[in-house]
């Protein structure tokens, strides 16, 4: 694939071209954005690949947790539809089920974490909460890289321990790893490197 010139890339990145919102603002310079973020990465002492790899791990873990939520809720609905209606009061129901299954009181009495609006990513990301939105289509990389994993979703990750929240498109993993691009300062989909490093609790890999 021939290398695209900067003007060609910028044309693709403007609002209304390859993205309605735009990878860049109407008049932003791609080179200026890349240079600014490269300086920030040097100060942070973290590589683009490390940020991308760790963010991808968190997203994949979050998606798997969401799939468990969907499966859990589907099984609950199925059980509710097939079980004959019984007019037990709350305590009678717990004690009756407890005879057959000693875990029943825990299931009935304690709030199940799978019922939360967002879900925890799981090991090694116990302190993160993930929620996402998947779309029937996908966002193309402006460099023309073809189908990129995660380009059909938007995500929200909260790090309770670090007090940081980041929202962004799934394509950002590819853009960071392959193109060192966090999107333009004027783009609504920009994910700032400083916020990502704080969210993912990444320490310096090298001295600036």
C-alpha atoms as a PDB file:
ATOM      1  CA  UNK A   1       0.000   0.000   0.000  1.00  0.00           C
ATOM      2  CA  UNK A   2       1.532   3.357  -1.037  1.00  0.00           C
ATOM      3  CA  UNK A   3       2.291   5.790   1.762  1.00  0.00           C
ATOM      4  CA  UNK A   4      -0.184   8.635   2.026  1.00  0.00           C
ATOM      5  CA  UNK A   5       1.010  12.233   2.058  1.00  0.00           C
ATOM      6  CA  UNK A   6       0.183  14.413   5.060  1.00  0.00           C
ATOM      7  CA  UNK A   7      -2.297  16.564   3.075  1.00  0.00           C
ATOM      8  CA  UNK A   8      -4.120  13.402   1.935  1.00  0.00           C
ATOM      9  CA  UNK A   9      -4.279  12.116   5.524  1.00  0.00           C
ATOM     10  CA  UNK A  10      -5.511  15.440   6.854  1.00  0.00           C
ATOM     11  CA  UNK A  11      -8.233  15.509   4.200  1.00  0.00           C
ATOM     12  CA  UNK A  12      -9.460  12.085   5.364  1.00  0.00           C
ATOM     13  CA  UNK A  13      -9.341  13.220   8.995  1.00  0.00           C
ATOM     14  CA  UNK A  14     -11.437  16.360   8.638  1.00  0.00           C
ATOM     15  CA  UNK A  15     -15.002  16.335  10.020  1.00  0.00           C
ATOM     16  CA  UNK A  16     -17.451  14.849   7.546  1.00  0.00           C
ATOM     17  CA  UNK A  17     -14.834  12.886   5.573  1.00  0.00           C
ATOM     18  CA  UNK A  18     -13.920   9.433   6.947  1.00  0.00           C
ATOM     19  CA  UNK A  19     -15.579  10.337  10.255  1.00  0.00           C
ATOM     20  CA  UNK A  20     -18.542  12.636  10.810  1.00  0.00           C
ATOM     21  CA  UNK A  21     -16.978  14.104  13.953  1.00  0.00           C
ATOM     22  CA  UNK A  22     -13.451  14.038  12.514  1.00  0.00           C
ATOM     23  CA  UNK A  23     -10.111  12.701  13.657  1.00  0.00           C
ATOM     24  CA  UNK A  24      -8.819  16.286  13.500  1.00  0.00           C
ATOM     25  CA  UNK A  25     -10.454  19.683  13.806  1.00  0.00           C
ATOM     26  CA  UNK A  26     -11.254  21.687  10.637  1.00  0.00           C
ATOM     27  CA  UNK A  27      -7.897  23.452  10.636  1.00  0.00           C
ATOM     28  CA  UNK A  28      -5.650  21.310  12.831  1.00  0.00           C
ATOM     29  CA  UNK A  29      -2.229  20.191  11.628  1.00  0.00           C
ATOM     30  CA  UNK A  30      -1.552  16.449  11.854  1.00  0.00           C
ATOM     31  CA  UNK A  31       2.187  17.000  12.197  1.00  0.00           C
ATOM     32  CA  UNK A  32       1.662  19.502  15.031  1.00  0.00           C
ATOM     33  CA  UNK A  33      -0.614  17.081  16.927  1.00  0.00           C
ATOM     34  CA  UNK A  34       1.829  14.177  16.495  1.00  0.00           C
ATOM     35  CA  UNK A  35       4.735  16.341  17.641  1.00  0.00           C
ATOM     36  CA  UNK A  36       2.865  17.600  20.721  1.00  0.00           C
ATOM     37  CA  UNK A  37       1.910  14.072  21.777  1.00  0.00           C
ATOM     38  CA  UNK A  38       5.425  12.744  21.117  1.00  0.00           C
ATOM     39  CA  UNK A  39       6.762  15.359  23.532  1.00  0.00           C
ATOM     40  CA  UNK A  40       4.188  14.335  26.132  1.00  0.00           C
ATOM     41  CA  UNK A  41       5.132  10.665  25.743  1.00  0.00           C
ATOM     42  CA  UNK A  42       8.805  11.505  26.253  1.00  0.00           C
ATOM     43  CA  UNK A  43       7.974  13.303  29.485  1.00  0.00           C
ATOM     44  CA  UNK A  44       5.780  10.414  30.647  1.00  0.00           C
ATOM     45  CA  UNK A  45       8.523   7.890  29.891  1.00  0.00           C
ATOM     46  CA  UNK A  46       6.044   5.387  28.426  1.00  0.00           C
ATOM     47  CA  UNK A  47       5.937   3.863  24.942  1.00  0.00           C
ATOM     48  CA  UNK A  48       2.929   3.990  22.652  1.00  0.00           C
ATOM     49  CA  UNK A  49       2.902   0.204  22.407  1.00  0.00           C
ATOM     50  CA  UNK A  50       2.714  -0.229  26.173  1.00  0.00           C
ATOM     51  CA  UNK A  51      -0.254   2.139  26.426  1.00  0.00           C
ATOM     52  CA  UNK A  52      -2.021   0.441  23.505  1.00  0.00           C
ATOM     53  CA  UNK A  53      -1.373  -3.092  24.777  1.00  0.00           C
ATOM     54  CA  UNK A  54      -2.571  -2.329  28.310  1.00  0.00           C
ATOM     55  CA  UNK A  55      -5.650  -0.441  27.121  1.00  0.00           C
ATOM     56  CA  UNK A  56      -6.486  -3.332  24.797  1.00  0.00           C
ATOM     57  CA  UNK A  57      -6.220  -5.783  27.704  1.00  0.00           C
ATOM     58  CA  UNK A  58      -8.640  -3.694  29.747  1.00  0.00           C
ATOM     59  CA  UNK A  59     -11.143  -3.421  26.881  1.00  0.00           C
ATOM     60  CA  UNK A  60     -11.003  -7.144  26.072  1.00  0.00           C
ATOM     61  CA  UNK A  61     -11.445  -8.007  29.766  1.00  0.00           C
ATOM     62  CA  UNK A  62     -14.391  -5.627  29.967  1.00  0.00           C
ATOM     63  CA  UNK A  63     -16.057  -7.130  26.889  1.00  0.00           C
ATOM     64  CA  UNK A  64     -15.696 -10.638  28.355  1.00  0.00           C
ATOM     65  CA  UNK A  65     -17.244  -9.452  31.615  1.00  0.00           C
ATOM     66  CA  UNK A  66     -20.138  -7.867  29.704  1.00  0.00           C
ATOM     67  CA  UNK A  67     -20.731 -11.152  27.884  1.00  0.00           C
ATOM     68  CA  UNK A  68     -21.016 -12.865  31.270  1.00  0.00           C
ATOM     69  CA  UNK A  69     -23.585 -10.259  32.324  1.00  0.00           C
ATOM     70  CA  UNK A  70     -25.661 -10.892  29.194  1.00  0.00           C
ATOM     71  CA  UNK A  71     -25.501 -14.657  29.704  1.00  0.00           C
ATOM     72  CA  UNK A  72     -26.373 -14.321  33.409  1.00  0.00           C
ATOM     73  CA  UNK A  73     -29.380 -12.098  32.751  1.00  0.00           C
ATOM     74  CA  UNK A  74     -30.597 -14.362  29.942  1.00  0.00           C
ATOM     75  CA  UNK A  75     -30.461 -17.397  32.242  1.00  0.00           C
ATOM     76  CA  UNK A  76     -32.314 -15.477  34.952  1.00  0.00           C
ATOM     77  CA  UNK A  77     -35.063 -14.503  32.494  1.00  0.00           C
ATOM     78  CA  UNK A  78     -35.323 -18.070  31.206  1.00  0.00           C
ATOM     79  CA  UNK A  79     -35.593 -19.471  34.729  1.00  0.00           C
ATOM     80  CA  UNK A  80     -38.232 -16.896  35.667  1.00  0.00           C
ATOM     81  CA  UNK A  81     -40.339 -17.824  32.639  1.00  0.00           C
ATOM     82  CA  UNK A  82     -40.225 -21.594  33.179  1.00  0.00           C
ATOM     83  CA  UNK A  83     -40.509 -21.826  36.978  1.00  0.00           C
ATOM     84  CA  UNK A  84     -44.129 -22.264  38.172  1.00  0.00           C
ATOM     85  CA  UNK A  85     -45.466 -19.343  40.160  1.00  0.00           C
ATOM     86  CA  UNK A  86     -45.353 -20.029  43.897  1.00  0.00           C
ATOM     87  CA  UNK A  87     -46.882 -17.841  46.543  1.00  0.00           C
ATOM     88  CA  UNK A  88     -44.101 -18.011  49.110  1.00  0.00           C
ATOM     89  CA  UNK A  89     -43.154 -14.938  51.078  1.00  0.00           C
ATOM     90  CA  UNK A  90     -39.499 -13.837  50.932  1.00  0.00           C
ATOM     91  CA  UNK A  91     -38.218 -15.680  54.030  1.00  0.00           C
ATOM     92  CA  UNK A  92     -40.112 -18.890  53.252  1.00  0.00           C
ATOM     93  CA  UNK A  93     -38.626 -18.968  49.788  1.00  0.00           C
ATOM     94  CA  UNK A  94     -35.053 -18.593  51.110  1.00  0.00           C
ATOM     95  CA  UNK A  95     -35.409 -21.319  53.745  1.00  0.00           C
ATOM     96  CA  UNK A  96     -37.138 -23.741  51.342  1.00  0.00           C
ATOM     97  CA  UNK A  97     -34.423 -23.365  48.694  1.00  0.00           C
ATOM     98  CA  UNK A  98     -31.660 -23.535  51.284  1.00  0.00           C
ATOM     99  CA  UNK A  99     -32.587 -27.176  52.036  1.00  0.00           C
ATOM    100  CA  UNK A 100     -31.752 -28.185  48.477  1.00  0.00           C
ATOM    101  CA  UNK A 101     -28.933 -25.708  47.832  1.00  0.00           C
ATOM    102  CA  UNK A 102     -26.834 -24.248  50.639  1.00  0.00           C
ATOM    103  CA  UNK A 103     -25.752 -21.329  48.410  1.00  0.00           C
ATOM    104  CA  UNK A 104     -29.329 -20.147  47.868  1.00  0.00           C
ATOM    105  CA  UNK A 105     -29.400 -17.669  50.800  1.00  0.00           C
ATOM    106  CA  UNK A 106     -26.247 -15.971  49.454  1.00  0.00           C
ATOM    107  CA  UNK A 107     -27.761 -15.690  45.990  1.00  0.00           C
ATOM    108  CA  UNK A 108     -31.027 -14.303  47.269  1.00  0.00           C
ATOM    109  CA  UNK A 109     -29.820 -11.963  49.989  1.00  0.00           C
ATOM    110  CA  UNK A 110     -26.638 -10.451  48.606  1.00  0.00           C
ATOM    111  CA  UNK A 111     -26.640  -8.060  45.662  1.00  0.00           C
ATOM    112  CA  UNK A 112     -25.131  -9.840  42.687  1.00  0.00           C
ATOM    113  CA  UNK A 113     -22.251  -7.847  41.124  1.00  0.00           C
ATOM    114  CA  UNK A 114     -23.420  -8.912  37.655  1.00  0.00           C
ATOM    115  CA  UNK A 115     -26.504  -6.762  38.121  1.00  0.00           C
ATOM    116  CA  UNK A 116     -24.456  -3.556  38.286  1.00  0.00           C
ATOM    117  CA  UNK A 117     -24.800  -1.056  35.453  1.00  0.00           C
ATOM    118  CA  UNK A 118     -21.130  -1.348  34.565  1.00  0.00           C
ATOM    119  CA  UNK A 119     -18.904  -4.316  35.265  1.00  0.00           C
ATOM    120  CA  UNK A 120     -15.450  -4.868  36.645  1.00  0.00           C
ATOM    121  CA  UNK A 121     -12.848  -6.033  34.191  1.00  0.00           C
ATOM    122  CA  UNK A 122     -11.507  -8.786  36.427  1.00  0.00           C
ATOM    123  CA  UNK A 123      -7.910  -9.840  37.092  1.00  0.00           C
ATOM    124  CA  UNK A 124      -5.550  -8.064  36.762  1.00  0.00           C
ATOM    125  CA  UNK A 125      -7.916  -5.077  36.570  1.00  0.00           C
ATOM    126  CA  UNK A 126     -10.051  -5.475  39.708  1.00  0.00           C
ATOM    127  CA  UNK A 127     -10.048  -1.727  40.320  1.00  0.00           C
ATOM    128  CA  UNK A 128     -11.446  -0.857  36.876  1.00  0.00           C
ATOM    129  CA  UNK A 129     -15.047  -0.548  35.722  1.00  0.00           C
ATOM    130  CA  UNK A 130     -15.860  -0.970  32.037  1.00  0.00           C
ATOM    131  CA  UNK A 131     -18.914  -0.161  29.953  1.00  0.00           C
ATOM    132  CA  UNK A 132     -19.147  -0.099  26.196  1.00  0.00           C
ATOM    133  CA  UNK A 133     -21.379   0.375  23.176  1.00  0.00           C
ATOM    134  CA  UNK A 134     -21.015  -1.812  20.077  1.00  0.00           C
ATOM    135  CA  UNK A 135     -22.218  -0.771  16.617  1.00  0.00           C
ATOM    136  CA  UNK A 136     -23.269  -2.783  13.543  1.00  0.00           C
ATOM    137  CA  UNK A 137     -20.648  -1.023  11.410  1.00  0.00           C
ATOM    138  CA  UNK A 138     -17.038  -0.084  12.093  1.00  0.00           C
ATOM    139  CA  UNK A 139     -14.770   2.969  11.846  1.00  0.00           C
ATOM    140  CA  UNK A 140     -12.022   2.756   9.237  1.00  0.00           C
ATOM    141  CA  UNK A 141      -8.464   3.795  10.006  1.00  0.00           C
ATOM    142  CA  UNK A 142      -7.620   6.946   8.008  1.00  0.00           C
ATOM    143  CA  UNK A 143      -4.270   5.386   7.089  1.00  0.00           C
ATOM    144  CA  UNK A 144      -6.236   2.693   5.234  1.00  0.00           C
ATOM    145  CA  UNK A 145      -5.171  -0.217   7.425  1.00  0.00           C
ATOM    146  CA  UNK A 146      -8.297  -2.274   6.780  1.00  0.00           C
ATOM    147  CA  UNK A 147     -10.377  -3.981   9.451  1.00  0.00           C
ATOM    148  CA  UNK A 148      -9.028  -3.123  12.915  1.00  0.00           C
ATOM    149  CA  UNK A 149     -10.159  -5.032  16.040  1.00  0.00           C
ATOM    150  CA  UNK A 150     -12.354  -2.918  18.309  1.00  0.00           C
ATOM    151  CA  UNK A 151     -13.255  -0.395  15.613  1.00  0.00           C
ATOM    152  CA  UNK A 152     -16.955  -1.191  16.103  1.00  0.00           C
ATOM    153  CA  UNK A 153     -17.204   0.064  19.695  1.00  0.00           C
ATOM    154  CA  UNK A 154     -16.930   2.987  22.076  1.00  0.00           C
ATOM    155  CA  UNK A 155     -15.756   2.403  25.644  1.00  0.00           C
ATOM    156  CA  UNK A 156     -15.793   4.004  29.059  1.00  0.00           C
ATOM    157  CA  UNK A 157     -13.279   2.883  31.692  1.00  0.00           C
ATOM    158  CA  UNK A 158     -13.154   4.168  35.251  1.00  0.00           C
ATOM    159  CA  UNK A 159     -10.229   3.574  37.588  1.00  0.00           C
ATOM    160  CA  UNK A 160     -11.655   3.968  41.072  1.00  0.00           C
ATOM    161  CA  UNK A 161      -8.232   3.758  42.705  1.00  0.00           C
ATOM    162  CA  UNK A 162      -6.646   6.460  40.532  1.00  0.00           C
ATOM    163  CA  UNK A 163      -9.772   8.610  40.287  1.00  0.00           C
ATOM    164  CA  UNK A 164      -9.635   8.733  36.488  1.00  0.00           C
ATOM    165  CA  UNK A 165     -12.237   8.126  33.764  1.00  0.00           C
ATOM    166  CA  UNK A 166     -11.501   7.781  30.044  1.00  0.00           C
ATOM    167  CA  UNK A 167     -14.006   7.498  27.206  1.00  0.00           C
ATOM    168  CA  UNK A 168     -13.048   6.817  23.622  1.00  0.00           C
ATOM    169  CA  UNK A 169     -13.384   4.730  20.459  1.00  0.00           C
ATOM    170  CA  UNK A 170     -12.044   1.176  20.259  1.00  0.00           C
ATOM    171  CA  UNK A 171     -10.057   2.188  17.167  1.00  0.00           C
ATOM    172  CA  UNK A 172      -7.832   4.321  19.402  1.00  0.00           C
ATOM    173  CA  UNK A 173      -5.851   1.197  20.388  1.00  0.00           C
ATOM    174  CA  UNK A 174      -4.772   0.700  16.770  1.00  0.00           C
ATOM    175  CA  UNK A 175      -4.184   4.420  16.202  1.00  0.00           C
ATOM    176  CA  UNK A 176      -1.888   4.660  19.223  1.00  0.00           C
ATOM    177  CA  UNK A 177       0.023   1.440  18.558  1.00  0.00           C
ATOM    178  CA  UNK A 178       0.535   1.779  14.808  1.00  0.00           C
ATOM    179  CA  UNK A 179       0.421   5.540  14.188  1.00  0.00           C
ATOM    180  CA  UNK A 180       1.288   7.158  17.557  1.00  0.00           C
ATOM    181  CA  UNK A 181      -1.960   9.119  17.178  1.00  0.00           C
ATOM    182  CA  UNK A 182      -4.364   9.976  20.024  1.00  0.00           C
ATOM    183  CA  UNK A 183      -6.643  11.979  17.667  1.00  0.00           C
ATOM    184  CA  UNK A 184      -6.660  15.743  17.329  1.00  0.00           C
ATOM    185  CA  UNK A 185      -7.035  18.215  20.172  1.00  0.00           C
ATOM    186  CA  UNK A 186     -10.284  19.415  18.579  1.00  0.00           C
ATOM    187  CA  UNK A 187     -11.713  15.946  18.000  1.00  0.00           C
ATOM    188  CA  UNK A 188     -14.455  14.751  20.396  1.00  0.00           C
ATOM    189  CA  UNK A 189     -12.853  11.292  20.229  1.00  0.00           C
ATOM    190  CA  UNK A 190      -9.419  12.381  21.412  1.00  0.00           C
ATOM    191  CA  UNK A 191      -7.957  10.327  24.266  1.00  0.00           C
ATOM    192  CA  UNK A 192      -5.194  12.248  26.039  1.00  0.00           C
ATOM    193  CA  UNK A 193      -1.993  10.272  26.753  1.00  0.00           C
ATOM    194  CA  UNK A 194      -1.647  11.726  30.252  1.00  0.00           C
ATOM    195  CA  UNK A 195      -5.176  10.573  31.168  1.00  0.00           C
ATOM    196  CA  UNK A 196      -4.487   7.104  29.744  1.00  0.00           C
ATOM    197  CA  UNK A 197      -1.259   6.710  31.705  1.00  0.00           C
ATOM    198  CA  UNK A 198      -3.063   7.728  34.891  1.00  0.00           C
ATOM    199  CA  UNK A 199      -6.053   5.475  34.134  1.00  0.00           C
ATOM    200  CA  UNK A 200      -3.870   2.430  33.455  1.00  0.00           C
ATOM    201  CA  UNK A 201      -1.389   3.286  36.242  1.00  0.00           C
ATOM    202  CA  UNK A 202       1.639   2.958  33.977  1.00  0.00           C
ATOM    203  CA  UNK A 203       4.990   3.874  35.489  1.00  0.00           C
ATOM    204  CA  UNK A 204       7.889   5.231  33.418  1.00  0.00           C
ATOM    205  CA  UNK A 205       9.775   2.719  31.268  1.00  0.00           C
ATOM    206  CA  UNK A 206      12.644   5.075  30.558  1.00  0.00           C
ATOM    207  CA  UNK A 207      13.955   8.488  31.632  1.00  0.00           C
ATOM    208  CA  UNK A 208      12.873  11.544  29.624  1.00  0.00           C
END
